[in-house]
Amino acid sequence: QSAAHTSATTKQQQVSMGFTVFAVKINEVDTKVERTCGISHEFVVYRLTVQHETRKWILEKRYSDFLKFEKELRHRFWYMDIPKLPPKKFFFNYDQAFLESRKKELEKFMRDLLKTSCW
């Protein structure tokens, strides 16, 4: 096979697979404290790395950012099968075992989302 044929085949495979040419990983989960009007508020931040070929983006997102993102996707792409986020937990959400489990669930959400074709 020629190099041009191989390149064309690879591009066709990437197009037909949705956005799976991106890699998403949550590298770290951190707890931060924010002070507003003299009141301290603790929250969790997920540090994501998104990579495509040689380009890399590092993001910090809270669970609420994922919720807003999912809501917007469902609104704009109501006809598509959008993966579901893990449910919100209101109590004991700073437990290390819970945070590790949530990290894996959020990574799966992002990977499943990127596998969705026809965006």
Foldseek 3Di string as FASTA:
>chain_A
DDPVVVVVVVVVVCQVQFQLLKAKAFDDKDKDWDADPNDIDIFIWTWMWIDHVPDIDIDIDGVVVVVVVQVVCCVVPVVFDQDDQPDDDDPPCVDPVNVVVNRVRVSVNVNVRRRGHDD
